[in-house]
Amino acid sequence: MAIVAATNSNKPAARPGSKRRMKIWLAFMVIFMGWAAYTFFGQMQQQQETASRYATMKQQRDEAIQQKQSLSEQIDKLNDPEYIEQLATKEQGMVKEGEKVIQVVK
């Protein structure tokens, strides 16, 4: 029994508030980690929403650029007298002086 008493006496005596401080520290860490995880997952969700909005806007921008190019080509064609002449002949049935309109009837 003397040996047992000697080994127990080698252990330092626990201070009275150390367990309580450890519990408080652990509770603080759990609360902090919970808040950090909540914030992290919230930001992940916001990032996904922002990425989808970005992709949608990029697609809209690409469509607008394509439409602008198409309209620019139409403007260039409308500035060409030969194209205007073709449109007048096809759509309005107009012809130059001295020309005759030939219509095929089935």
N, C-alpha and C. Protein backbone atom coordinates (compact mmCIF):
# COMPACT_ATOMS: atom_id res chain seq x y z
N MET A 1 0.79 -1.19 0.00
CA MET A 1 0.00 0.00 0.00
C MET A 1 0.84 1.26 0.00
N ALA A 2 1.96 1.19 0.47
CA ALA A 2 2.83 2.35 0.50
C ALA A 2 3.21 2.78 -0.92
N ILE A 3 3.33 1.80 -1.80
CA ILE A 3 3.68 2.11 -3.19
C ILE A 3 2.52 2.85 -3.87
N VAL A 4 1.33 2.42 -3.61
CA VAL A 4 0.16 3.05 -4.21
C VAL A 4 0.03 4.49 -3.71
N ALA A 5 0.23 4.68 -2.46
CA ALA A 5 0.13 6.01 -1.90
C ALA A 5 1.22 6.91 -2.46
N ALA A 6 2.40 6.33 -2.73
CA ALA A 6 3.50 7.13 -3.26
C ALA A 6 3.21 7.55 -4.70
N THR A 7 2.61 6.66 -5.52
CA THR A 7 2.32 7.03 -6.91
C THR A 7 1.20 8.06 -6.97
N ASN A 8 0.22 7.95 -6.09
CA ASN A 8 -0.86 8.93 -6.07
C ASN A 8 -0.37 10.29 -5.60
N SER A 9 0.61 10.30 -4.76
CA SER A 9 1.11 11.57 -4.25
C SER A 9 1.98 12.28 -5.29
N ASN A 10 2.45 11.55 -6.32
CA ASN A 10 3.25 12.18 -7.38
C ASN A 10 2.38 12.99 -8.34
N LYS A 11 1.09 12.70 -8.42
CA LYS A 11 0.20 13.45 -9.30
C LYS A 11 0.00 14.85 -8.72
N PRO A 12 0.05 15.84 -9.59
CA PRO A 12 -0.19 17.19 -9.06
C PRO A 12 -1.67 17.33 -8.72
N ALA A 13 -1.94 18.04 -7.72
CA ALA A 13 -3.33 18.24 -7.28
C ALA A 13 -4.02 19.16 -8.28
N ALA A 14 -5.22 18.78 -8.68
CA ALA A 14 -5.98 19.58 -9.64
C ALA A 14 -6.43 20.86 -8.96
N ARG A 15 -6.29 21.94 -9.67
CA ARG A 15 -6.74 23.20 -9.11
C ARG A 15 -8.25 23.21 -9.09
N PRO A 16 -8.85 23.89 -8.20
CA PRO A 16 -10.30 23.80 -8.02
C PRO A 16 -11.10 24.27 -9.24
N GLY A 17 -10.68 25.28 -10.02
CA GLY A 17 -11.48 25.80 -11.12
C GLY A 17 -11.04 25.30 -12.49
N SER A 18 -10.07 24.38 -12.58
CA SER A 18 -9.54 23.99 -13.88
C SER A 18 -10.58 23.23 -14.71
N LYS A 19 -11.37 22.36 -14.09
CA LYS A 19 -12.39 21.62 -14.83
C LYS A 19 -13.45 22.59 -15.35
N ARG A 20 -13.84 23.52 -14.54
CA ARG A 20 -14.84 24.50 -14.94
C ARG A 20 -14.32 25.36 -16.10
N ARG A 21 -13.05 25.79 -16.04
CA ARG A 21 -12.46 26.57 -17.11
C ARG A 21 -12.38 25.77 -18.40
N MET A 22 -12.05 24.48 -18.30
CA MET A 22 -12.01 23.61 -19.48
C MET A 22 -13.39 23.48 -20.10
N LYS A 23 -14.43 23.35 -19.30
CA LYS A 23 -15.80 23.23 -19.81
C LYS A 23 -16.22 24.53 -20.48
N ILE A 24 -15.89 25.65 -19.88
CA ILE A 24 -16.23 26.94 -20.47
C ILE A 24 -15.49 27.13 -21.79
N TRP A 25 -14.20 26.79 -21.81
CA TRP A 25 -13.40 26.90 -23.03
C TRP A 25 -13.96 25.98 -24.12
N LEU A 26 -14.32 24.76 -23.77
CA LEU A 26 -14.87 23.80 -24.73
C LEU A 26 -16.23 24.30 -25.27
N ALA A 27 -17.07 24.85 -24.38
CA ALA A 27 -18.36 25.39 -24.82
C ALA A 27 -18.14 26.56 -25.78
N PHE A 28 -17.20 27.42 -25.47
CA PHE A 28 -16.88 28.54 -26.34
C PHE A 28 -16.42 28.05 -27.71
N MET A 29 -15.55 27.05 -27.73
CA MET A 29 -15.04 26.51 -28.99
C MET A 29 -16.15 25.86 -29.81
N VAL A 30 -17.05 25.15 -29.17
CA VAL A 30 -18.17 24.51 -29.88
C VAL A 30 -19.07 25.58 -30.49
N ILE A 31 -19.38 26.61 -29.72
CA ILE A 31 -20.22 27.69 -30.24
C ILE A 31 -19.52 28.40 -31.40
N PHE A 32 -18.24 28.69 -31.24
CA PHE A 32 -17.49 29.37 -32.30
C PHE A 32 -17.43 28.52 -33.57
N MET A 33 -17.16 27.24 -33.43
CA MET A 33 -17.09 26.35 -34.60
C MET A 33 -18.46 26.21 -35.26
N GLY A 34 -19.52 26.18 -34.47
CA GLY A 34 -20.87 26.13 -35.03
C GLY A 34 -21.17 27.38 -35.85
N TRP A 35 -20.82 28.54 -35.32
CA TRP A 35 -21.01 29.79 -36.04
C TRP A 35 -20.17 29.80 -37.32
N ALA A 36 -18.93 29.33 -37.24
CA ALA A 36 -18.05 29.30 -38.42
C ALA A 36 -18.62 28.38 -39.50
N ALA A 37 -19.13 27.22 -39.11
CA ALA A 37 -19.72 26.29 -40.08
C ALA A 37 -20.97 26.90 -40.71
N TYR A 38 -21.81 27.53 -39.90
CA TYR A 38 -23.04 28.18 -40.41
C TYR A 38 -22.68 29.25 -41.43
N THR A 39 -21.70 30.08 -41.12
CA THR A 39 -21.26 31.14 -42.02
C THR A 39 -20.68 30.56 -43.30
N PHE A 40 -19.86 29.53 -43.17
CA PHE A 40 -19.22 28.89 -44.33
C PHE A 40 -20.27 28.35 -45.31
N PHE A 41 -21.24 27.61 -44.79
CA PHE A 41 -22.25 27.02 -45.67
C PHE A 41 -23.16 28.09 -46.27
N GLY A 42 -23.44 29.14 -45.52
CA GLY A 42 -24.22 30.25 -46.05
C GLY A 42 -23.50 30.94 -47.19
N GLN A 43 -22.21 31.13 -47.05
CA GLN A 43 -21.43 31.77 -48.10
C GLN A 43 -21.29 30.86 -49.32
N MET A 44 -21.22 29.56 -49.10
CA MET A 44 -21.18 28.63 -50.23
C MET A 44 -22.46 28.74 -51.05
N GLN A 45 -23.60 28.82 -50.37
CA GLN A 45 -24.89 28.94 -51.06
C GLN A 45 -24.95 30.26 -51.84
N GLN A 46 -24.51 31.34 -51.22
CA GLN A 46 -24.50 32.64 -51.91
C GLN A 46 -23.58 32.60 -53.13
N GLN A 47 -22.46 31.92 -53.02
CA GLN A 47 -21.51 31.81 -54.13
C GLN A 47 -22.14 31.05 -55.28
N GLN A 48 -22.88 29.99 -55.00
CA GLN A 48 -23.54 29.23 -56.05
C GLN A 48 -24.61 30.07 -56.74
N GLU A 49 -25.38 30.81 -55.97
CA GLU A 49 -26.41 31.68 -56.55
C GLU A 49 -25.78 32.75 -57.43
N THR A 50 -24.69 33.34 -56.96
CA THR A 50 -24.00 34.36 -57.73
C THR A 50 -23.42 33.78 -59.02
N ALA A 51 -22.88 32.58 -58.94
CA ALA A 51 -22.32 31.93 -60.13
C ALA A 51 -23.42 31.66 -61.17
N SER A 52 -24.59 31.24 -60.72
CA SER A 52 -25.67 30.97 -61.68
C SER A 52 -26.17 32.28 -62.30
N ARG A 53 -26.27 33.35 -61.49
CA ARG A 53 -26.67 34.65 -62.05
C ARG A 53 -25.63 35.15 -63.05
N TYR A 54 -24.35 34.93 -62.75
CA TYR A 54 -23.27 35.33 -63.65
C TYR A 54 -23.38 34.59 -64.98
N ALA A 55 -23.64 33.29 -64.92
CA ALA A 55 -23.76 32.50 -66.15
C ALA A 55 -24.95 32.98 -66.99
N THR A 56 -26.07 33.28 -66.33
CA THR A 56 -27.25 33.77 -67.05
C THR A 56 -26.96 35.11 -67.72
N MET A 57 -26.33 36.02 -66.98
CA MET A 57 -26.03 37.33 -67.54
C MET A 57 -25.00 37.24 -68.66
N LYS A 58 -24.06 36.34 -68.53
CA LYS A 58 -23.06 36.16 -69.59
C LYS A 58 -23.74 35.65 -70.86
N GLN A 59 -24.69 34.73 -70.71
CA GLN A 59 -25.43 34.22 -71.86
C GLN A 59 -26.26 35.34 -72.51
N GLN A 60 -26.91 36.17 -71.69
CA GLN A 60 -27.67 37.29 -72.22
C GLN A 60 -26.77 38.28 -72.96
N ARG A 61 -25.60 38.52 -72.40
CA ARG A 61 -24.64 39.42 -73.04
C ARG A 61 -24.20 38.87 -74.39
N ASP A 62 -23.91 37.56 -74.45
CA ASP A 62 -23.50 36.95 -75.71
C ASP A 62 -24.61 37.04 -76.76
N GLU A 63 -25.86 36.83 -76.33
CA GLU A 63 -26.99 36.95 -77.26
C GLU A 63 -27.14 38.38 -77.76
N ALA A 64 -26.94 39.36 -76.86
CA ALA A 64 -27.04 40.76 -77.26
C ALA A 64 -25.93 41.13 -78.25
N ILE A 65 -24.74 40.62 -78.03
CA ILE A 65 -23.63 40.89 -78.96
C ILE A 65 -23.94 40.29 -80.33
N GLN A 66 -24.46 39.08 -80.33
CA GLN A 66 -24.81 38.43 -81.59
C GLN A 66 -25.91 39.21 -82.32
N GLN A 67 -26.92 39.67 -81.59
CA GLN A 67 -27.99 40.46 -82.19
C GLN A 67 -27.44 41.78 -82.73
N LYS A 68 -26.53 42.39 -82.01
CA LYS A 68 -25.93 43.65 -82.46
C LYS A 68 -25.17 43.44 -83.76
N GLN A 69 -24.42 42.35 -83.85
CA GLN A 69 -23.69 42.06 -85.08
C GLN A 69 -24.64 41.84 -86.25
N SER A 70 -25.72 41.13 -85.99
CA SER A 70 -26.72 40.89 -87.03
C SER A 70 -27.33 42.19 -87.52
N LEU A 71 -27.68 43.07 -86.58
CA LEU A 71 -28.25 44.36 -86.96
C LEU A 71 -27.24 45.24 -87.69
N SER A 72 -25.99 45.17 -87.30
CA SER A 72 -24.94 45.93 -87.99
C SER A 72 -24.79 45.45 -89.43
N GLU A 73 -24.89 44.14 -89.65
CA GLU A 73 -24.82 43.60 -91.01
C GLU A 73 -26.01 44.08 -91.84
N GLN A 74 -27.20 44.11 -91.22
CA GLN A 74 -28.38 44.60 -91.93
C GLN A 74 -28.23 46.07 -92.31
N ILE A 75 -27.67 46.87 -91.40
CA ILE A 75 -27.45 48.29 -91.69
C ILE A 75 -26.48 48.45 -92.86
N ASP A 76 -25.41 47.64 -92.84
CA ASP A 76 -24.44 47.71 -93.94
C ASP A 76 -25.10 47.34 -95.27
N LYS A 77 -25.97 46.32 -95.24
CA LYS A 77 -26.66 45.92 -96.47
C LYS A 77 -27.61 47.01 -96.94
N LEU A 78 -28.30 47.66 -96.01
CA LEU A 78 -29.25 48.71 -96.39
C LEU A 78 -28.56 49.95 -96.95
N ASN A 79 -27.29 50.11 -96.70
CA ASN A 79 -26.52 51.21 -97.27
C ASN A 79 -26.03 50.89 -98.67
N ASP A 80 -26.21 49.66 -99.13
CA ASP A 80 -25.78 49.23 -100.45
C ASP A 80 -26.93 49.42 -101.45
N PRO A 81 -26.75 50.21 -102.49
CA PRO A 81 -27.84 50.46 -103.45
C PRO A 81 -28.32 49.19 -104.16
N GLU A 82 -27.44 48.26 -104.44
CA GLU A 82 -27.85 47.03 -105.12
C GLU A 82 -28.80 46.21 -104.25
N TYR A 83 -28.53 46.15 -102.95
CA TYR A 83 -29.40 45.40 -102.03
C TYR A 83 -30.77 46.06 -101.94
N ILE A 84 -30.82 47.37 -101.90
CA ILE A 84 -32.09 48.09 -101.85
C ILE A 84 -32.88 47.82 -103.14
N GLU A 85 -32.17 47.80 -104.26
CA GLU A 85 -32.81 47.51 -105.54
C GLU A 85 -33.42 46.10 -105.55
N GLN A 86 -32.69 45.14 -105.01
CA GLN A 86 -33.20 43.77 -104.93
C GLN A 86 -34.44 43.69 -104.04
N LEU A 87 -34.39 44.37 -102.89
CA LEU A 87 -35.55 44.37 -101.99
C LEU A 87 -36.76 45.00 -102.66
N ALA A 88 -36.55 46.10 -103.37
CA ALA A 88 -37.66 46.77 -104.04
C ALA A 88 -38.27 45.86 -105.10
N THR A 89 -37.43 45.12 -105.81
CA THR A 89 -37.93 44.23 -106.85
C THR A 89 -38.68 43.05 -106.24
N LYS A 90 -38.11 42.41 -105.22
CA LYS A 90 -38.71 41.20 -104.62
C LYS A 90 -39.96 41.53 -103.80
N GLU A 91 -39.88 42.51 -102.94
CA GLU A 91 -40.96 42.77 -101.99
C GLU A 91 -42.04 43.70 -102.54
N GLN A 92 -41.65 44.68 -103.34
CA GLN A 92 -42.62 45.67 -103.81
C GLN A 92 -43.02 45.47 -105.28
N GLY A 93 -42.29 44.63 -105.99
CA GLY A 93 -42.60 44.39 -107.40
C GLY A 93 -42.18 45.56 -108.29
N MET A 94 -41.29 46.38 -107.81
CA MET A 94 -40.83 47.54 -108.58
C MET A 94 -39.75 47.10 -109.58
N VAL A 95 -39.71 47.78 -110.70
CA VAL A 95 -38.68 47.50 -111.71
C VAL A 95 -38.14 48.82 -112.23
N LYS A 96 -36.98 48.76 -112.85
CA LYS A 96 -36.39 49.96 -113.44
C LYS A 96 -37.16 50.34 -114.70
N GLU A 97 -36.93 51.54 -115.12
CA GLU A 97 -37.57 52.02 -116.34
C GLU A 97 -37.06 51.20 -117.52
N GLY A 98 -37.96 50.73 -118.30
CA GLY A 98 -37.58 49.96 -119.48
C GLY A 98 -37.59 48.46 -119.24
N GLU A 99 -37.67 48.03 -118.00
CA GLU A 99 -37.73 46.60 -117.70
C GLU A 99 -39.17 46.17 -117.62
N LYS A 100 -39.40 44.88 -117.85
CA LYS A 100 -40.75 44.34 -117.78
C LYS A 100 -40.79 43.26 -116.72
N VAL A 101 -41.92 43.18 -116.03
CA VAL A 101 -42.10 42.18 -114.98
C VAL A 101 -42.67 40.93 -115.65
N ILE A 102 -42.04 39.82 -115.39
CA ILE A 102 -42.54 38.55 -115.93
C ILE A 102 -43.01 37.73 -114.74
N GLN A 103 -44.26 37.35 -114.77
CA GLN A 103 -44.83 36.53 -113.70
C GLN A 103 -45.20 35.17 -114.28
N VAL A 104 -44.82 34.14 -113.57
CA VAL A 104 -45.13 32.78 -114.00
C VAL A 104 -46.38 32.35 -113.27
N VAL A 105 -47.39 31.93 -114.03
CA VAL A 105 -48.63 31.48 -113.45
C VAL A 105 -48.72 29.97 -113.65
N LYS A 106 -49.02 29.27 -112.60
CA LYS A 106 -49.10 27.81 -112.69
C LYS A 106 -50.49 27.38 -113.04
